Amino acid sequence: MKVIVIHKAFEEIPVAVAEVNVPAEISDNIEEALEYAYRWTNNIQGSWSRDDIEDNGDYNSNVTRLVPLKNGYGLRSTSARDHMIVEGKVYEVDFFGFKEVA
């Protein structure tokens, strides 16, 4: 299962920033897949979007960045009001969990 992460909460134009390959052991549960994609597109111990940082606790080889970095800085964390697409359905990151929007 793949999850496409779209940053739109703070952008004028929504942009797909990541494709997350969900591990097989949780790919049968959409809620868990969304949680996985959310966790691994957040900056907690480094930068999820950079693979060039030593000891980067947020790098995950299951996450593919889809846009170039800006001025060498990593991308922002996924936030409430951003969207995720999984199995043809669009989910919005809510302040607690996710809600299907299309």
N, C-alpha and C. Protein backbone atom coordinates (compact mmCIF):
# COMPACT_ATOMS: atom_id res chain seq x y z
N MET A 1 0.85 -1.18 0.00
CA MET A 1 0.00 0.00 0.00
C MET A 1 0.89 1.23 0.00
N LYS A 2 0.47 2.23 -0.78
CA LYS A 2 1.19 3.50 -0.84
C LYS A 2 0.28 4.62 -0.37
N VAL A 3 0.88 5.58 0.30
CA VAL A 3 0.17 6.78 0.74
C VAL A 3 0.88 7.98 0.12
N ILE A 4 0.12 8.82 -0.55
CA ILE A 4 0.66 10.07 -1.10
C ILE A 4 0.33 11.18 -0.11
N VAL A 5 1.34 11.92 0.31
CA VAL A 5 1.16 13.01 1.28
C VAL A 5 1.16 14.33 0.52
N ILE A 6 0.11 15.12 0.74
CA ILE A 6 -0.04 16.40 0.06
C ILE A 6 -0.06 17.51 1.10
N HIS A 7 0.90 18.41 1.00
CA HIS A 7 0.92 19.57 1.89
C HIS A 7 0.04 20.65 1.28
N LYS A 8 -0.97 21.06 2.05
CA LYS A 8 -1.89 22.10 1.57
C LYS A 8 -2.31 23.05 2.68
N ALA A 9 -1.97 22.73 3.91
CA ALA A 9 -2.43 23.55 5.04
C ALA A 9 -1.87 24.97 5.00
N PHE A 10 -0.64 25.14 4.56
CA PHE A 10 0.02 26.45 4.59
C PHE A 10 0.46 26.91 3.20
N GLU A 11 0.11 26.17 2.17
CA GLU A 11 0.54 26.46 0.81
C GLU A 11 -0.60 27.11 0.02
N GLU A 12 -0.25 27.97 -0.91
CA GLU A 12 -1.27 28.54 -1.79
C GLU A 12 -1.79 27.49 -2.75
N ILE A 13 -0.89 26.63 -3.22
CA ILE A 13 -1.25 25.55 -4.13
C ILE A 13 -0.81 24.24 -3.47
N PRO A 14 -1.74 23.28 -3.29
CA PRO A 14 -1.35 21.99 -2.70
C PRO A 14 -0.27 21.31 -3.53
N VAL A 15 0.64 20.63 -2.83
CA VAL A 15 1.74 19.95 -3.52
C VAL A 15 1.98 18.57 -2.89
N ALA A 16 2.07 17.56 -3.75
CA ALA A 16 2.39 16.22 -3.29
C ALA A 16 3.88 16.20 -2.92
N VAL A 17 4.17 15.91 -1.66
CA VAL A 17 5.55 16.00 -1.18
C VAL A 17 6.20 14.64 -0.93
N ALA A 18 5.37 13.60 -0.74
CA ALA A 18 5.97 12.30 -0.40
C ALA A 18 5.07 11.15 -0.85
N GLU A 19 5.75 10.06 -1.16
CA GLU A 19 5.08 8.78 -1.38
C GLU A 19 5.61 7.84 -0.30
N VAL A 20 4.71 7.29 0.48
CA VAL A 20 5.10 6.44 1.60
C VAL A 20 4.69 5.00 1.29
N ASN A 21 5.66 4.11 1.27
CA ASN A 21 5.39 2.68 1.11
C ASN A 21 5.15 2.09 2.49
N VAL A 22 3.93 1.67 2.72
CA VAL A 22 3.54 1.17 4.04
C VAL A 22 3.99 -0.29 4.17
N PRO A 23 4.62 -0.65 5.29
CA PRO A 23 5.05 -2.04 5.49
C PRO A 23 3.87 -3.01 5.40
N ALA A 24 4.15 -4.19 4.88
CA ALA A 24 3.11 -5.20 4.65
C ALA A 24 2.32 -5.53 5.91
N GLU A 25 2.98 -5.54 7.05
CA GLU A 25 2.29 -5.96 8.28
C GLU A 25 1.19 -4.99 8.74
N ILE A 26 1.17 -3.77 8.20
CA ILE A 26 0.08 -2.84 8.56
C ILE A 26 -0.70 -2.38 7.34
N SER A 27 -0.41 -2.94 6.17
CA SER A 27 -1.03 -2.44 4.94
C SER A 27 -2.49 -2.85 4.79
N ASP A 28 -3.01 -3.67 5.68
CA ASP A 28 -4.43 -4.03 5.58
C ASP A 28 -5.31 -3.13 6.45
N ASN A 29 -4.71 -2.11 7.08
CA ASN A 29 -5.45 -1.21 7.96
C ASN A 29 -5.17 0.23 7.53
N ILE A 30 -6.16 0.88 6.93
CA ILE A 30 -5.96 2.23 6.40
C ILE A 30 -5.60 3.21 7.51
N GLU A 31 -6.24 3.13 8.65
CA GLU A 31 -5.93 4.05 9.76
C GLU A 31 -4.46 3.93 10.17
N GLU A 32 -3.97 2.71 10.29
CA GLU A 32 -2.57 2.50 10.65
C GLU A 32 -1.64 2.98 9.55
N ALA A 33 -2.04 2.80 8.30
CA ALA A 33 -1.23 3.28 7.18
C ALA A 33 -1.13 4.80 7.20
N LEU A 34 -2.24 5.48 7.49
CA LEU A 34 -2.24 6.94 7.59
C LEU A 34 -1.36 7.39 8.75
N GLU A 35 -1.46 6.72 9.88
CA GLU A 35 -0.62 7.06 11.05
C GLU A 35 0.86 6.87 10.71
N TYR A 36 1.18 5.80 9.99
CA TYR A 36 2.56 5.53 9.60
C TYR A 36 3.07 6.66 8.71
N ALA A 37 2.27 7.04 7.71
CA ALA A 37 2.68 8.12 6.79
C ALA A 37 2.82 9.44 7.54
N TYR A 38 1.93 9.69 8.48
CA TYR A 38 2.00 10.92 9.27
C TYR A 38 3.30 10.94 10.08
N ARG A 39 3.58 9.85 10.79
CA ARG A 39 4.79 9.80 11.62
C ARG A 39 6.05 10.04 10.81
N TRP A 40 6.12 9.38 9.65
CA TRP A 40 7.37 9.41 8.89
C TRP A 40 7.46 10.59 7.94
N THR A 41 6.51 11.53 8.02
CA THR A 41 6.65 12.81 7.31
C THR A 41 6.58 13.95 8.32
N ASN A 42 7.09 13.68 9.51
CA ASN A 42 7.22 14.70 10.55
C ASN A 42 8.67 14.80 10.98
N ASN A 43 9.06 16.00 11.36
CA ASN A 43 10.43 16.27 11.82
C ASN A 43 10.44 16.25 13.34
N ILE A 44 10.95 15.16 13.89
CA ILE A 44 10.99 14.99 15.34
C ILE A 44 12.43 14.90 15.82
N GLN A 45 13.23 14.10 15.10
CA GLN A 45 14.62 13.87 15.49
C GLN A 45 15.57 14.13 14.32
N GLY A 46 15.18 15.02 13.44
CA GLY A 46 16.00 15.31 12.27
C GLY A 46 15.13 15.91 11.19
N SER A 47 15.16 15.31 10.01
CA SER A 47 14.35 15.78 8.88
C SER A 47 13.91 14.58 8.05
N TRP A 48 12.61 14.39 7.96
CA TRP A 48 12.11 13.24 7.20
C TRP A 48 12.50 13.32 5.73
N SER A 49 12.71 14.52 5.21
CA SER A 49 12.92 14.70 3.78
C SER A 49 14.38 14.71 3.36
N ARG A 50 15.28 14.51 4.31
CA ARG A 50 16.72 14.55 3.99
C ARG A 50 17.38 13.23 4.36
N ASP A 51 18.18 12.73 3.43
CA ASP A 51 18.92 11.49 3.69
C ASP A 51 20.42 11.75 3.88
N ASP A 52 20.78 13.02 3.97
CA ASP A 52 22.20 13.38 4.06
C ASP A 52 22.62 13.84 5.46
N ILE A 53 21.78 13.62 6.45
CA ILE A 53 22.08 14.02 7.83
C ILE A 53 22.50 12.79 8.62
N GLU A 54 23.64 12.89 9.28
CA GLU A 54 24.10 11.79 10.12
C GLU A 54 23.19 11.64 11.33
N ASP A 55 22.90 10.41 11.72
CA ASP A 55 22.04 10.11 12.87
C ASP A 55 20.68 10.80 12.75
N ASN A 56 20.09 10.74 11.57
CA ASN A 56 18.78 11.36 11.32
C ASN A 56 17.67 10.39 11.71
N GLY A 57 17.11 10.60 12.87
CA GLY A 57 16.06 9.72 13.39
C GLY A 57 14.75 9.77 12.63
N ASP A 58 14.61 10.72 11.72
CA ASP A 58 13.37 10.83 10.96
C ASP A 58 13.48 10.31 9.54
N TYR A 59 14.66 9.90 9.11
CA TYR A 59 14.80 9.34 7.77
C TYR A 59 14.23 7.93 7.75
N ASN A 60 13.46 7.62 6.73
CA ASN A 60 12.87 6.29 6.57
C ASN A 60 12.95 5.96 5.08
N SER A 61 13.59 4.87 4.75
CA SER A 61 13.75 4.50 3.35
C SER A 61 12.43 4.15 2.67
N ASN A 62 11.36 3.99 3.43
CA ASN A 62 10.03 3.75 2.86
C ASN A 62 9.37 5.04 2.39
N VAL A 63 10.00 6.17 2.63
CA VAL A 63 9.44 7.47 2.25
C VAL A 63 10.28 8.06 1.11
N THR A 64 9.59 8.40 0.03
CA THR A 64 10.25 9.02 -1.12
C THR A 64 9.79 10.47 -1.21
N ARG A 65 10.74 11.39 -1.12
CA ARG A 65 10.43 12.81 -1.29
C ARG A 65 10.14 13.06 -2.76
N LEU A 66 9.05 13.79 -3.06
CA LEU A 66 8.62 14.02 -4.43
C LEU A 66 8.97 15.40 -4.96
N VAL A 67 9.47 16.28 -4.12
CA VAL A 67 9.82 17.64 -4.54
C VAL A 67 11.24 17.96 -4.09
N PRO A 68 11.88 18.89 -4.78
CA PRO A 68 13.25 19.25 -4.37
C PRO A 68 13.25 20.04 -3.06
N LEU A 69 14.38 20.00 -2.38
CA LEU A 69 14.55 20.79 -1.17
C LEU A 69 14.70 22.26 -1.55
N LYS A 70 14.31 23.14 -0.65
CA LYS A 70 14.44 24.57 -0.88
C LYS A 70 15.65 25.09 -0.13
N ASN A 71 16.63 25.61 -0.85
CA ASN A 71 17.83 26.19 -0.25
C ASN A 71 18.53 25.23 0.71
N GLY A 72 18.44 23.93 0.46
CA GLY A 72 19.11 22.96 1.29
C GLY A 72 18.37 22.58 2.56
N TYR A 73 17.26 23.26 2.84
CA TYR A 73 16.48 22.94 4.03
C TYR A 73 15.52 21.81 3.74
N GLY A 74 15.23 21.02 4.76
CA GLY A 74 14.26 19.96 4.63
C GLY A 74 12.85 20.52 4.54
N LEU A 75 11.92 19.65 4.19
CA LEU A 75 10.51 20.04 4.09
C LEU A 75 9.86 20.07 5.47
N ARG A 76 8.77 20.79 5.56
CA ARG A 76 8.08 20.91 6.85
C ARG A 76 7.39 19.59 7.22
N SER A 77 6.98 19.51 8.45
CA SER A 77 6.22 18.37 8.93
C SER A 77 4.81 18.39 8.36
N THR A 78 4.23 17.21 8.25
CA THR A 78 2.83 17.10 7.87
C THR A 78 1.99 17.60 9.04
N SER A 79 0.95 18.39 8.71
CA SER A 79 0.15 19.07 9.74
C SER A 79 -1.33 18.88 9.51
N ALA A 80 -2.11 19.29 10.49
CA ALA A 80 -3.56 19.30 10.34
C ALA A 80 -3.92 20.11 9.10
N ARG A 81 -4.90 19.64 8.38
CA ARG A 81 -5.42 20.20 7.13
C ARG A 81 -4.63 19.78 5.90
N ASP A 82 -3.51 19.06 6.08
CA ASP A 82 -2.86 18.45 4.93
C ASP A 82 -3.68 17.23 4.51
N HIS A 83 -3.41 16.72 3.32
CA HIS A 83 -4.17 15.58 2.81
C HIS A 83 -3.27 14.39 2.56
N MET A 84 -3.89 13.21 2.57
CA MET A 84 -3.22 11.97 2.22
C MET A 84 -4.16 11.18 1.32
N ILE A 85 -3.59 10.57 0.30
CA ILE A 85 -4.38 9.75 -0.61
C ILE A 85 -3.94 8.31 -0.44
N VAL A 86 -4.91 7.44 -0.21
CA VAL A 86 -4.63 6.01 -0.08
C VAL A 86 -5.79 5.25 -0.70
N GLU A 87 -5.45 4.30 -1.55
CA GLU A 87 -6.44 3.47 -2.24
C GLU A 87 -7.53 4.31 -2.91
N GLY A 88 -7.14 5.42 -3.52
CA GLY A 88 -8.07 6.25 -4.27
C GLY A 88 -8.94 7.17 -3.43
N LYS A 89 -8.79 7.15 -2.12
CA LYS A 89 -9.57 8.01 -1.23
C LYS A 89 -8.68 9.09 -0.64
N VAL A 90 -9.27 10.27 -0.43
CA VAL A 90 -8.52 11.40 0.12
C VAL A 90 -8.92 11.57 1.58
N TYR A 91 -7.91 11.68 2.43
CA TYR A 91 -8.12 11.89 3.86
C TYR A 91 -7.46 13.19 4.27
N GLU A 92 -8.10 13.91 5.16
CA GLU A 92 -7.51 15.13 5.70
C GLU A 92 -6.96 14.82 7.07
N VAL A 93 -5.76 15.32 7.34
CA VAL A 93 -5.20 15.21 8.69
C VAL A 93 -6.01 16.15 9.57
N ASP A 94 -6.64 15.59 10.58
CA ASP A 94 -7.45 16.38 11.49
C ASP A 94 -6.62 16.68 12.73
N PHE A 95 -7.17 17.44 13.65
CA PHE A 95 -6.42 17.75 14.86
C PHE A 95 -6.25 16.51 15.73
N PHE A 96 -7.10 15.52 15.49
CA PHE A 96 -6.94 14.22 16.13
C PHE A 96 -7.40 13.18 15.11
N GLY A 97 -6.47 12.49 14.52
CA GLY A 97 -6.79 11.46 13.54
C GLY A 97 -6.97 12.01 12.14
N PHE A 98 -7.81 11.34 11.37
CA PHE A 98 -7.98 11.63 9.95
C PHE A 98 -9.47 11.56 9.62
N LYS A 99 -9.88 12.34 8.62
CA LYS A 99 -11.26 12.23 8.16
C LYS A 99 -11.26 12.14 6.65
N GLU A 100 -12.12 11.27 6.12
CA GLU A 100 -12.22 11.11 4.69
C GLU A 100 -12.93 12.33 4.10
N VAL A 101 -12.34 12.89 3.04
CA VAL A 101 -12.94 14.08 2.41
C VAL A 101 -13.34 13.84 0.96
N ALA A 102 -12.86 12.79 0.35
CA ALA A 102 -13.27 12.47 -1.03
C ALA A 102 -12.97 11.02 -1.34
